[in-house]
Amino acid sequence: DLSNLPEISFSQKIQPIIASNCAYEGCHHEGHGSDFSLENYEDVMDHGGVKAGAPHSSKLYRVITNHGEQLMPPSAPLSSTDIESIYIWIAQGAKNN
C-alpha cells in the first residue's frame, strides 16, 4: 500500500534521475544519436511508455529492472533507491509535479 508514502515529485526526484542516467549526450538526448529523447515529462511519458498507476506495464520500469526488455542504462544499473522512486512515482499516477 503506497497511500501512506509521501508523493514523489517528477521535477525534484524523477527528472534528475533520468537526466543523470538516461538523458545525456550519446544516450536519450535530443539530437545526439538517440532514437528518442527523455529530456522532459512528455518524452518520459511517451517514449518511456509510462502507464500511470501501472509500473509493471510501463516500459520505463521494465527496462530499468530488466523485465522483458534490454536493461537500461546499459553501463550501470540504477540504484535500488532510484528504481523504487520511479516505481512509486508511476504507481502514484506518474504526475507532472
N, C-alpha and C. Protein backbone atom coordinates (compact mmCIF):
# COMPACT_ATOMS: atom_id res chain seq x y z
N ASP A 1 0.84 -1.18 0.00
CA ASP A 1 0.00 0.00 0.00
C ASP A 1 0.88 1.25 0.00
N LEU A 2 0.75 2.06 -1.03
CA LEU A 2 1.58 3.25 -1.18
C LEU A 2 0.90 4.52 -0.67
N SER A 3 -0.31 4.39 -0.18
CA SER A 3 -1.07 5.57 0.21
C SER A 3 -0.44 6.33 1.38
N ASN A 4 0.35 5.67 2.20
CA ASN A 4 0.95 6.34 3.34
C ASN A 4 2.32 6.94 3.02
N LEU A 5 2.78 6.80 1.77
CA LEU A 5 4.08 7.34 1.38
C LEU A 5 3.92 8.76 0.86
N PRO A 6 4.92 9.61 1.08
CA PRO A 6 4.85 10.96 0.51
C PRO A 6 4.85 10.89 -1.02
N GLU A 7 4.18 11.85 -1.64
CA GLU A 7 4.12 11.87 -3.10
C GLU A 7 5.50 12.15 -3.68
N ILE A 8 5.87 11.37 -4.68
CA ILE A 8 7.16 11.54 -5.37
C ILE A 8 6.99 12.66 -6.40
N SER A 9 7.91 13.59 -6.40
CA SER A 9 7.88 14.71 -7.34
C SER A 9 8.65 14.38 -8.60
N PHE A 10 8.00 14.57 -9.76
CA PHE A 10 8.70 14.35 -11.02
C PHE A 10 9.88 15.31 -11.15
N SER A 11 9.63 16.60 -10.95
CA SER A 11 10.67 17.60 -11.20
C SER A 11 11.82 17.52 -10.19
N GLN A 12 11.51 17.17 -8.95
CA GLN A 12 12.56 17.16 -7.93
C GLN A 12 13.26 15.81 -7.78
N LYS A 13 12.58 14.70 -8.11
CA LYS A 13 13.17 13.38 -7.87
C LYS A 13 13.39 12.58 -9.16
N ILE A 14 12.35 12.45 -9.98
CA ILE A 14 12.42 11.56 -11.15
C ILE A 14 13.24 12.18 -12.28
N GLN A 15 12.95 13.43 -12.63
CA GLN A 15 13.70 14.07 -13.73
C GLN A 15 15.21 14.08 -13.48
N PRO A 16 15.68 14.39 -12.26
CA PRO A 16 17.13 14.32 -12.03
C PRO A 16 17.72 12.91 -12.21
N ILE A 17 16.98 11.89 -11.83
CA ILE A 17 17.44 10.51 -12.03
C ILE A 17 17.59 10.24 -13.52
N ILE A 18 16.58 10.59 -14.29
CA ILE A 18 16.59 10.33 -15.74
C ILE A 18 17.64 11.20 -16.42
N ALA A 19 17.75 12.46 -16.01
CA ALA A 19 18.73 13.36 -16.63
C ALA A 19 20.16 12.85 -16.44
N SER A 20 20.47 12.36 -15.26
CA SER A 20 21.85 11.95 -14.99
C SER A 20 22.16 10.53 -15.47
N ASN A 21 21.14 9.71 -15.70
CA ASN A 21 21.39 8.32 -16.08
C ASN A 21 20.95 7.97 -17.49
N CYS A 22 20.07 8.77 -18.10
CA CYS A 22 19.48 8.41 -19.38
C CYS A 22 19.53 9.52 -20.43
N ALA A 23 19.24 10.74 -20.03
CA ALA A 23 19.04 11.84 -20.98
C ALA A 23 20.29 12.70 -21.12
N TYR A 24 21.39 12.10 -21.50
CA TYR A 24 22.61 12.87 -21.71
C TYR A 24 23.16 12.54 -23.10
N GLU A 25 24.10 13.32 -23.55
CA GLU A 25 24.65 13.16 -24.90
C GLU A 25 25.15 11.73 -25.11
N GLY A 26 24.71 11.13 -26.21
CA GLY A 26 25.09 9.76 -26.53
C GLY A 26 24.04 8.75 -26.12
N CYS A 27 23.09 9.18 -25.32
CA CYS A 27 22.00 8.28 -24.92
C CYS A 27 20.67 8.90 -25.35
N HIS A 28 19.75 9.08 -24.43
CA HIS A 28 18.42 9.59 -24.77
C HIS A 28 18.35 11.11 -24.64
N HIS A 29 19.15 11.76 -25.48
CA HIS A 29 19.24 13.22 -25.50
C HIS A 29 18.95 13.66 -26.92
N GLU A 30 18.04 14.59 -27.08
CA GLU A 30 17.59 15.02 -28.40
C GLU A 30 18.75 15.44 -29.30
N GLY A 31 18.77 14.88 -30.50
CA GLY A 31 19.75 15.28 -31.49
C GLY A 31 21.15 14.73 -31.29
N HIS A 32 21.31 13.74 -30.46
CA HIS A 32 22.65 13.21 -30.20
C HIS A 32 22.73 11.71 -30.44
N GLY A 33 22.21 11.27 -31.58
CA GLY A 33 22.36 9.88 -31.98
C GLY A 33 21.39 8.91 -31.34
N SER A 34 20.44 9.40 -30.59
CA SER A 34 19.48 8.53 -29.93
C SER A 34 18.23 8.37 -30.79
N ASP A 35 17.55 7.25 -30.61
CA ASP A 35 16.27 7.04 -31.29
C ASP A 35 15.21 7.99 -30.75
N PHE A 36 15.32 8.35 -29.48
CA PHE A 36 14.34 9.24 -28.85
C PHE A 36 14.95 9.91 -27.63
N SER A 37 14.31 10.98 -27.23
CA SER A 37 14.77 11.78 -26.10
C SER A 37 13.94 11.48 -24.85
N LEU A 38 14.57 11.63 -23.71
CA LEU A 38 13.89 11.54 -22.41
C LEU A 38 14.17 12.80 -21.59
N GLU A 39 14.13 13.94 -22.27
CA GLU A 39 14.55 15.18 -21.62
C GLU A 39 13.47 15.90 -20.83
N ASN A 40 12.21 15.56 -21.05
CA ASN A 40 11.15 16.26 -20.32
C ASN A 40 10.01 15.29 -20.00
N TYR A 41 9.02 15.79 -19.28
CA TYR A 41 7.91 14.95 -18.83
C TYR A 41 7.20 14.27 -19.99
N GLU A 42 6.90 15.03 -21.04
CA GLU A 42 6.18 14.46 -22.19
C GLU A 42 6.99 13.34 -22.84
N ASP A 43 8.30 13.54 -22.98
CA ASP A 43 9.16 12.50 -23.55
C ASP A 43 9.15 11.24 -22.69
N VAL A 44 9.27 11.43 -21.38
CA VAL A 44 9.29 10.29 -20.47
C VAL A 44 7.98 9.50 -20.56
N MET A 45 6.87 10.22 -20.60
CA MET A 45 5.57 9.55 -20.69
C MET A 45 5.40 8.84 -22.03
N ASP A 46 5.74 9.53 -23.13
CA ASP A 46 5.55 8.95 -24.46
C ASP A 46 6.60 7.90 -24.80
N HIS A 47 7.86 8.30 -24.82
CA HIS A 47 8.94 7.41 -25.24
C HIS A 47 9.28 6.38 -24.16
N GLY A 48 9.04 6.75 -22.91
CA GLY A 48 9.30 5.82 -21.81
C GLY A 48 8.17 4.82 -21.61
N GLY A 49 7.10 5.00 -22.36
CA GLY A 49 5.97 4.08 -22.27
C GLY A 49 5.39 3.98 -20.87
N VAL A 50 5.33 5.11 -20.17
CA VAL A 50 4.83 5.10 -18.80
C VAL A 50 3.31 5.02 -18.80
N LYS A 51 2.80 4.06 -18.06
CA LYS A 51 1.36 3.88 -17.89
C LYS A 51 1.05 4.24 -16.45
N ALA A 52 0.50 5.44 -16.25
CA ALA A 52 0.22 5.96 -14.91
C ALA A 52 -0.54 4.95 -14.08
N GLY A 53 -0.02 4.68 -12.90
CA GLY A 53 -0.66 3.74 -11.98
C GLY A 53 -0.26 2.29 -12.19
N ALA A 54 0.51 2.01 -13.23
CA ALA A 54 0.85 0.62 -13.56
C ALA A 54 2.34 0.46 -13.86
N PRO A 55 3.18 0.43 -12.83
CA PRO A 55 4.63 0.32 -13.06
C PRO A 55 5.03 -0.91 -13.88
N HIS A 56 4.44 -2.06 -13.58
CA HIS A 56 4.84 -3.29 -14.27
C HIS A 56 4.43 -3.31 -15.73
N SER A 57 3.51 -2.43 -16.13
CA SER A 57 3.10 -2.31 -17.53
C SER A 57 3.82 -1.16 -18.23
N SER A 58 4.69 -0.47 -17.52
CA SER A 58 5.40 0.69 -18.06
C SER A 58 6.77 0.29 -18.56
N LYS A 59 7.06 0.64 -19.81
CA LYS A 59 8.34 0.29 -20.41
C LYS A 59 9.50 0.84 -19.58
N LEU A 60 9.38 2.07 -19.11
CA LEU A 60 10.45 2.67 -18.32
C LEU A 60 10.82 1.77 -17.14
N TYR A 61 9.83 1.31 -16.40
CA TYR A 61 10.11 0.45 -15.25
C TYR A 61 10.68 -0.90 -15.68
N ARG A 62 10.15 -1.47 -16.76
CA ARG A 62 10.65 -2.77 -17.23
C ARG A 62 12.11 -2.69 -17.67
N VAL A 63 12.52 -1.60 -18.34
CA VAL A 63 13.91 -1.53 -18.80
C VAL A 63 14.89 -1.29 -17.65
N ILE A 64 14.48 -0.57 -16.62
CA ILE A 64 15.42 -0.32 -15.52
C ILE A 64 15.51 -1.52 -14.58
N THR A 65 14.56 -2.46 -14.70
CA THR A 65 14.60 -3.66 -13.86
C THR A 65 14.90 -4.92 -14.68
N ASN A 66 15.11 -4.75 -15.99
CA ASN A 66 15.45 -5.86 -16.89
C ASN A 66 14.36 -6.92 -16.93
N HIS A 67 13.10 -6.49 -16.93
CA HIS A 67 11.96 -7.42 -17.03
C HIS A 67 11.43 -7.43 -18.46
N GLY A 68 11.95 -8.33 -19.27
CA GLY A 68 11.48 -8.49 -20.64
C GLY A 68 11.98 -7.44 -21.60
N GLU A 69 12.89 -6.61 -21.19
CA GLU A 69 13.45 -5.56 -22.03
C GLU A 69 14.97 -5.54 -21.83
N GLN A 70 15.66 -4.87 -22.74
CA GLN A 70 17.09 -4.68 -22.56
C GLN A 70 17.33 -3.77 -21.37
N LEU A 71 18.23 -4.15 -20.48
CA LEU A 71 18.50 -3.37 -19.28
C LEU A 71 19.04 -1.99 -19.64
N MET A 72 18.46 -0.99 -19.04
CA MET A 72 18.91 0.39 -19.20
C MET A 72 19.10 0.99 -17.82
N PRO A 73 20.02 1.87 -17.65
CA PRO A 73 21.08 2.19 -18.60
C PRO A 73 22.06 1.02 -18.71
N PRO A 74 22.61 0.80 -19.89
CA PRO A 74 23.45 -0.37 -20.10
C PRO A 74 24.79 -0.32 -19.37
N SER A 75 25.31 0.86 -19.11
CA SER A 75 26.63 0.97 -18.49
C SER A 75 26.63 0.65 -17.00
N ALA A 76 25.58 1.05 -16.31
CA ALA A 76 25.48 0.81 -14.87
C ALA A 76 24.03 0.88 -14.46
N PRO A 77 23.50 -0.19 -13.87
CA PRO A 77 22.09 -0.17 -13.44
C PRO A 77 21.82 0.95 -12.44
N LEU A 78 20.58 1.37 -12.39
CA LEU A 78 20.17 2.36 -11.39
C LEU A 78 20.25 1.74 -10.00
N SER A 79 20.39 2.58 -9.01
CA SER A 79 20.40 2.10 -7.63
C SER A 79 19.01 1.60 -7.26
N SER A 80 18.94 0.75 -6.27
CA SER A 80 17.63 0.25 -5.84
C SER A 80 16.75 1.39 -5.34
N THR A 81 17.35 2.42 -4.76
CA THR A 81 16.61 3.59 -4.30
C THR A 81 15.98 4.33 -5.47
N ASP A 82 16.75 4.52 -6.55
CA ASP A 82 16.22 5.20 -7.74
C ASP A 82 15.11 4.38 -8.39
N ILE A 83 15.31 3.07 -8.48
CA ILE A 83 14.29 2.19 -9.05
C ILE A 83 13.01 2.26 -8.22
N GLU A 84 13.16 2.23 -6.91
CA GLU A 84 11.99 2.31 -6.03
C GLU A 84 11.26 3.64 -6.20
N SER A 85 12.01 4.74 -6.34
CA SER A 85 11.39 6.05 -6.53
C SER A 85 10.59 6.08 -7.83
N ILE A 86 11.14 5.54 -8.91
CA ILE A 86 10.43 5.51 -10.19
C ILE A 86 9.19 4.63 -10.07
N TYR A 87 9.31 3.49 -9.41
CA TYR A 87 8.17 2.60 -9.20
C TYR A 87 7.04 3.35 -8.46
N ILE A 88 7.38 3.99 -7.36
CA ILE A 88 6.37 4.68 -6.56
C ILE A 88 5.76 5.82 -7.35
N TRP A 89 6.59 6.60 -8.07
CA TRP A 89 6.07 7.71 -8.86
C TRP A 89 5.05 7.22 -9.89
N ILE A 90 5.37 6.14 -10.59
CA ILE A 90 4.42 5.58 -11.58
C ILE A 90 3.17 5.08 -10.87
N ALA A 91 3.35 4.34 -9.77
CA ALA A 91 2.20 3.79 -9.03
C ALA A 91 1.30 4.90 -8.49
N GLN A 92 1.89 6.04 -8.15
CA GLN A 92 1.11 7.16 -7.64
C GLN A 92 0.43 7.96 -8.75
N GLY A 93 0.57 7.53 -9.98
CA GLY A 93 -0.12 8.19 -11.09
C GLY A 93 0.79 8.92 -12.05
N ALA A 94 2.10 8.83 -11.87
CA ALA A 94 3.08 9.44 -12.78
C ALA A 94 2.74 10.89 -13.09
N LYS A 95 2.51 11.67 -12.05
CA LYS A 95 2.10 13.06 -12.22
C LYS A 95 3.27 13.96 -12.60
N ASN A 96 2.95 15.01 -13.34
CA ASN A 96 3.94 16.03 -13.70
C ASN A 96 3.94 17.06 -12.58
N ASN A 97 4.54 16.71 -11.47
CA ASN A 97 4.51 17.57 -10.29
C ASN A 97 5.92 17.98 -9.88
